[in-house]
Amino acid sequence: MKILIIGGSGMLGQDLVRVLQECRHAVLSPSRAELDITNPESARSYIMREQPQCVLLSAAYTRVDDC
């Protein structure tokens, strides 16, 4: 299965990438420059181009004091 993990460089994302790759899934883990979730056209373009079968969102804003 082709799986897109948004936020793959974070703590949860890194674990997801590792486990899913061990299960022999094709894992996409783009950088923010490749897929910017704050830019709808960037996200749409990436997803349409890569056509993953599953999308997992593990991105998070972690600076609690700034929230």
N, C-alpha and C. Protein backbone atom coordinates (compact mmCIF):
# COMPACT_ATOMS: atom_id res chain seq x y z
N MET A 1 0.84 -1.18 0.00
CA MET A 1 0.00 0.00 0.00
C MET A 1 0.89 1.24 0.00
N LYS A 2 0.51 2.23 -0.74
CA LYS A 2 1.24 3.50 -0.80
C LYS A 2 0.62 4.44 0.23
N ILE A 3 1.43 4.81 1.24
CA ILE A 3 0.95 5.60 2.37
C ILE A 3 1.71 6.92 2.45
N LEU A 4 0.98 8.01 2.55
CA LEU A 4 1.55 9.34 2.73
C LEU A 4 1.48 9.71 4.20
N ILE A 5 2.63 10.04 4.77
CA ILE A 5 2.67 10.49 6.16
C ILE A 5 3.05 11.96 6.16
N ILE A 6 2.12 12.79 6.56
CA ILE A 6 2.38 14.22 6.68
C ILE A 6 2.88 14.46 8.10
N GLY A 7 4.04 15.07 8.22
CA GLY A 7 4.67 15.25 9.52
C GLY A 7 5.59 14.10 9.87
N GLY A 8 6.15 13.47 8.86
CA GLY A 8 6.98 12.29 9.06
C GLY A 8 8.31 12.54 9.74
N SER A 9 8.70 13.78 9.93
CA SER A 9 9.97 14.06 10.60
C SER A 9 9.79 14.27 12.10
N GLY A 10 8.55 14.30 12.57
CA GLY A 10 8.29 14.45 14.01
C GLY A 10 8.42 13.13 14.74
N MET A 11 8.20 13.17 16.06
CA MET A 11 8.36 11.96 16.87
C MET A 11 7.41 10.84 16.44
N LEU A 12 6.13 11.14 16.34
CA LEU A 12 5.15 10.15 15.92
C LEU A 12 5.39 9.74 14.47
N GLY A 13 5.63 10.72 13.61
CA GLY A 13 5.84 10.45 12.20
C GLY A 13 7.02 9.53 11.94
N GLN A 14 8.11 9.73 12.64
CA GLN A 14 9.29 8.87 12.47
C GLN A 14 8.98 7.43 12.84
N ASP A 15 8.23 7.23 13.91
CA ASP A 15 7.84 5.88 14.30
C ASP A 15 6.91 5.25 13.27
N LEU A 16 5.96 6.03 12.76
CA LEU A 16 5.06 5.52 11.73
C LEU A 16 5.83 5.10 10.48
N VAL A 17 6.75 5.94 10.04
CA VAL A 17 7.56 5.64 8.85
C VAL A 17 8.30 4.32 9.07
N ARG A 18 8.95 4.18 10.20
CA ARG A 18 9.75 2.98 10.48
C ARG A 18 8.88 1.72 10.49
N VAL A 19 7.79 1.75 11.23
CA VAL A 19 6.92 0.57 11.36
C VAL A 19 6.29 0.20 10.02
N LEU A 20 5.80 1.20 9.29
CA LEU A 20 5.15 0.91 8.01
C LEU A 20 6.14 0.41 6.96
N GLN A 21 7.36 0.93 6.99
CA GLN A 21 8.38 0.42 6.06
C GLN A 21 8.75 -1.02 6.41
N GLU A 22 8.81 -1.33 7.71
CA GLU A 22 9.09 -2.71 8.13
C GLU A 22 8.00 -3.66 7.65
N CYS A 23 6.78 -3.15 7.53
CA CYS A 23 5.65 -3.96 7.02
C CYS A 23 5.59 -3.95 5.51
N ARG A 24 6.62 -3.40 4.89
CA ARG A 24 6.79 -3.39 3.43
C ARG A 24 5.78 -2.53 2.68
N HIS A 25 5.31 -1.45 3.32
CA HIS A 25 4.46 -0.48 2.64
C HIS A 25 5.35 0.53 1.93
N ALA A 26 4.86 1.09 0.85
CA ALA A 26 5.56 2.19 0.17
C ALA A 26 5.18 3.46 0.92
N VAL A 27 6.14 4.04 1.62
CA VAL A 27 5.87 5.18 2.50
C VAL A 27 6.43 6.46 1.89
N LEU A 28 5.57 7.47 1.80
CA LEU A 28 5.97 8.81 1.37
C LEU A 28 6.00 9.69 2.61
N SER A 29 7.10 10.39 2.81
CA SER A 29 7.23 11.28 3.96
C SER A 29 7.89 12.58 3.48
N PRO A 30 7.10 13.43 2.81
CA PRO A 30 7.67 14.64 2.22
C PRO A 30 8.07 15.69 3.27
N SER A 31 9.04 16.49 2.90
CA SER A 31 9.44 17.62 3.75
C SER A 31 8.38 18.71 3.65
N ARG A 32 8.47 19.70 4.52
CA ARG A 32 7.55 20.83 4.47
C ARG A 32 7.67 21.59 3.15
N ALA A 33 8.87 21.64 2.60
CA ALA A 33 9.07 22.31 1.31
C ALA A 33 8.35 21.57 0.18
N GLU A 34 8.23 20.25 0.31
CA GLU A 34 7.55 19.46 -0.71
C GLU A 34 6.04 19.49 -0.56
N LEU A 35 5.55 19.51 0.68
CA LEU A 35 4.11 19.50 0.96
C LEU A 35 3.86 20.37 2.18
N ASP A 36 3.35 21.57 1.94
CA ASP A 36 3.09 22.53 3.01
C ASP A 36 1.60 22.48 3.35
N ILE A 37 1.26 21.96 4.53
CA ILE A 37 -0.15 21.81 4.89
C ILE A 37 -0.85 23.14 5.14
N THR A 38 -0.09 24.22 5.24
CA THR A 38 -0.71 25.54 5.39
C THR A 38 -1.06 26.14 4.03
N ASN A 39 -0.68 25.45 2.97
CA ASN A 39 -0.96 25.90 1.60
C ASN A 39 -1.79 24.82 0.90
N PRO A 40 -3.11 25.01 0.80
CA PRO A 40 -3.98 23.98 0.21
C PRO A 40 -3.55 23.53 -1.19
N GLU A 41 -3.07 24.44 -2.01
CA GLU A 41 -2.65 24.06 -3.36
C GLU A 41 -1.41 23.17 -3.32
N SER A 42 -0.50 23.43 -2.40
CA SER A 42 0.68 22.59 -2.25
C SER A 42 0.27 21.17 -1.87
N ALA A 43 -0.63 21.04 -0.91
CA ALA A 43 -1.09 19.72 -0.47
C ALA A 43 -1.84 19.01 -1.60
N ARG A 44 -2.74 19.71 -2.23
CA ARG A 44 -3.53 19.13 -3.32
C ARG A 44 -2.63 18.64 -4.45
N SER A 45 -1.68 19.46 -4.84
CA SER A 45 -0.77 19.13 -5.93
C SER A 45 0.04 17.87 -5.61
N TYR A 46 0.58 17.81 -4.40
CA TYR A 46 1.40 16.66 -4.01
C TYR A 46 0.57 15.38 -4.00
N ILE A 47 -0.62 15.46 -3.40
CA ILE A 47 -1.47 14.28 -3.30
C ILE A 47 -1.94 13.82 -4.68
N MET A 48 -2.31 14.73 -5.54
CA MET A 48 -2.74 14.36 -6.89
C MET A 48 -1.59 13.73 -7.69
N ARG A 49 -0.39 14.23 -7.49
CA ARG A 49 0.77 13.71 -8.22
C ARG A 49 1.15 12.31 -7.72
N GLU A 50 1.18 12.11 -6.41
CA GLU A 50 1.64 10.85 -5.83
C GLU A 50 0.54 9.80 -5.69
N GLN A 51 -0.69 10.22 -5.58
CA GLN A 51 -1.86 9.35 -5.45
C GLN A 51 -1.70 8.25 -4.40
N PRO A 52 -1.49 8.65 -3.14
CA PRO A 52 -1.40 7.63 -2.09
C PRO A 52 -2.75 6.97 -1.84
N GLN A 53 -2.72 5.76 -1.34
CA GLN A 53 -3.95 5.05 -1.00
C GLN A 53 -4.44 5.42 0.39
N CYS A 54 -3.54 5.94 1.20
CA CYS A 54 -3.86 6.31 2.58
C CYS A 54 -3.04 7.54 2.96
N VAL A 55 -3.65 8.45 3.72
CA VAL A 55 -2.95 9.65 4.19
C VAL A 55 -3.04 9.68 5.71
N LEU A 56 -1.89 9.77 6.37
CA LEU A 56 -1.84 9.88 7.82
C LEU A 56 -1.27 11.26 8.18
N LEU A 57 -1.97 11.98 9.01
CA LEU A 57 -1.53 13.32 9.42
C LEU A 57 -0.97 13.24 10.83
N SER A 58 0.35 13.37 10.94
CA SER A 58 0.98 13.34 12.26
C SER A 58 1.67 14.67 12.57
N ALA A 59 1.43 15.67 11.74
CA ALA A 59 2.01 17.00 11.97
C ALA A 59 1.31 17.65 13.16
N ALA A 60 2.08 18.41 13.91
CA ALA A 60 1.50 19.08 15.08
C ALA A 60 2.25 20.36 15.38
N TYR A 61 1.58 21.27 16.01
CA TYR A 61 2.20 22.51 16.51
C TYR A 61 2.52 22.26 17.97
N THR A 62 3.79 22.26 18.32
CA THR A 62 4.19 21.79 19.66
C THR A 62 4.58 22.89 20.64
N ARG A 63 4.58 24.14 20.21
CA ARG A 63 4.95 25.22 21.14
C ARG A 63 3.69 25.66 21.90
N VAL A 64 3.41 24.95 22.97
CA VAL A 64 2.17 25.14 23.73
C VAL A 64 2.02 26.58 24.20
N ASP A 65 3.08 27.19 24.66
CA ASP A 65 2.99 28.57 25.16
C ASP A 65 2.56 29.54 24.06
N ASP A 66 2.90 29.26 22.81
CA ASP A 66 2.51 30.13 21.70
C ASP A 66 1.07 29.89 21.25
N CYS A 67 0.51 28.76 21.65
CA CYS A 67 -0.88 28.47 21.26
C CYS A 67 -1.80 29.39 22.03
